[in-house]
Amino acid sequence: LKRAAEPVTRAEAVGMIRNADADADGKLSFEEFAFEDWDDDGDRFISVTEVQMKAAEPVTRTEAAGMIKDADADNDGKLSFAEFATQITWS
């Protein structure tokens, strides 16, 4: 969820959760929450620019594109939730 500068109403919070709830189960999983954090523009994809903005350390456009390519099953140059979720690993 985006960080709100002002308090949000319950209805707004419910709307934000519904928008991020990829499997429509009414709950946000860790993967859905993490995806929403990376998807800054809310288009339901993670772009090269978003990877550059969210990476823990500065990365070039080429490096960010390479990170996406590793998980980009449909080769569209961006990550869907499903592609992103396959990269989440638990240790």
Protein backbone atom coordinates (compact mmCIF):
# COMPACT_ATOMS: atom_id res chain seq x y z
CA LEU A 1 0.00 0.00 0.00
CA LYS A 2 1.15 3.48 -0.67
CA ARG A 3 2.16 5.58 2.29
CA ALA A 4 -0.56 8.10 2.93
CA ALA A 5 0.35 11.67 3.82
CA GLU A 6 -3.08 12.04 5.44
CA PRO A 7 -5.29 9.55 7.28
CA VAL A 8 -7.47 7.39 5.04
CA THR A 9 -11.04 6.33 5.64
CA ARG A 10 -12.01 2.71 6.18
CA ALA A 11 -13.56 2.65 2.70
CA GLU A 12 -10.33 3.97 1.15
CA ALA A 13 -8.28 1.37 3.06
CA VAL A 14 -10.60 -1.42 1.89
CA GLY A 15 -10.26 -0.15 -1.69
CA MET A 16 -6.45 -0.14 -1.45
CA ILE A 17 -6.44 -3.70 -0.10
CA ARG A 18 -8.81 -4.88 -2.84
CA ASN A 19 -6.54 -3.31 -5.46
CA ALA A 20 -3.50 -5.15 -4.09
CA ASP A 21 -5.30 -8.46 -3.43
CA ALA A 22 -4.15 -10.40 -6.50
CA ASP A 23 -5.93 -13.64 -5.56
CA ALA A 24 -9.12 -11.87 -4.35
CA ASP A 25 -9.21 -13.74 -1.04
CA GLY A 26 -9.87 -10.55 0.96
CA LYS A 27 -6.45 -10.67 2.61
CA LEU A 28 -3.00 -9.39 1.69
CA SER A 29 -0.31 -12.04 1.64
CA PHE A 30 3.32 -11.06 2.10
CA GLU A 31 3.88 -11.44 -1.64
CA GLU A 32 0.91 -9.19 -2.48
CA PHE A 33 2.05 -6.57 0.02
CA ALA A 34 5.62 -6.63 -1.34
CA PHE A 35 4.39 -6.44 -4.93
CA GLU A 36 2.20 -3.44 -4.12
CA ASP A 37 5.19 -1.70 -2.55
CA TRP A 38 7.27 -2.16 -5.73
CA ASP A 39 4.43 -1.26 -8.13
CA ASP A 40 4.62 2.51 -7.60
CA ASP A 41 2.33 3.51 -10.47
CA GLY A 42 -0.35 0.94 -9.63
CA ASP A 43 -0.49 -0.59 -13.10
CA ARG A 44 -0.15 -4.13 -11.67
CA PHE A 45 3.30 -4.58 -13.19
CA ILE A 46 6.83 -3.86 -11.97
CA SER A 47 8.83 -1.94 -14.55
CA VAL A 48 12.54 -1.36 -15.04
CA THR A 49 12.11 2.16 -13.64
CA GLU A 50 10.37 0.83 -10.54
CA VAL A 51 13.20 -1.66 -9.95
CA GLN A 52 15.69 1.20 -10.22
CA MET A 53 13.72 3.24 -7.69
CA LYS A 54 13.23 0.39 -5.18
CA ALA A 55 16.54 -1.50 -5.36
CA ALA A 56 18.47 -1.54 -2.09
CA GLU A 57 21.51 -0.17 -3.90
CA PRO A 58 21.67 2.04 -7.02
CA VAL A 59 21.37 0.04 -10.25
CA THR A 60 21.65 1.07 -13.87
CA ARG A 61 18.76 0.69 -16.29
CA THR A 62 20.62 -2.25 -17.86
CA GLU A 63 21.06 -3.94 -14.48
CA ALA A 64 17.39 -3.40 -13.59
CA ALA A 65 16.32 -4.81 -16.97
CA GLY A 66 18.50 -7.85 -16.29
CA MET A 67 16.81 -8.41 -12.92
CA ILE A 68 13.41 -8.32 -14.59
CA LYS A 69 14.52 -10.58 -17.43
CA ASP A 70 15.43 -13.31 -14.92
CA ALA A 71 11.76 -13.68 -13.89
CA ASP A 72 9.95 -12.34 -16.98
CA ALA A 73 8.29 -15.55 -18.25
CA ASP A 74 6.33 -13.82 -21.03
CA ASN A 75 9.24 -11.57 -22.09
CA ASP A 76 7.20 -8.36 -21.99
CA GLY A 77 9.91 -6.42 -20.14
CA LYS A 78 7.96 -6.09 -16.90
CA LEU A 79 6.88 -8.33 -14.04
CA SER A 80 3.31 -9.38 -13.33
CA PHE A 81 2.33 -10.43 -9.82
CA ALA A 82 2.64 -14.11 -10.78
CA GLU A 83 6.16 -13.59 -12.14
CA PHE A 84 7.14 -11.57 -9.07
CA ALA A 85 5.73 -14.19 -6.68
CA THR A 86 7.85 -16.96 -8.25
CA GLN A 87 10.95 -15.02 -7.17
CA ILE A 88 9.98 -14.80 -3.48
CA THR A 89 11.92 -17.41 -1.56
CA TRP A 90 11.79 -18.27 2.11
CA SER A 91 14.90 -19.24 4.03
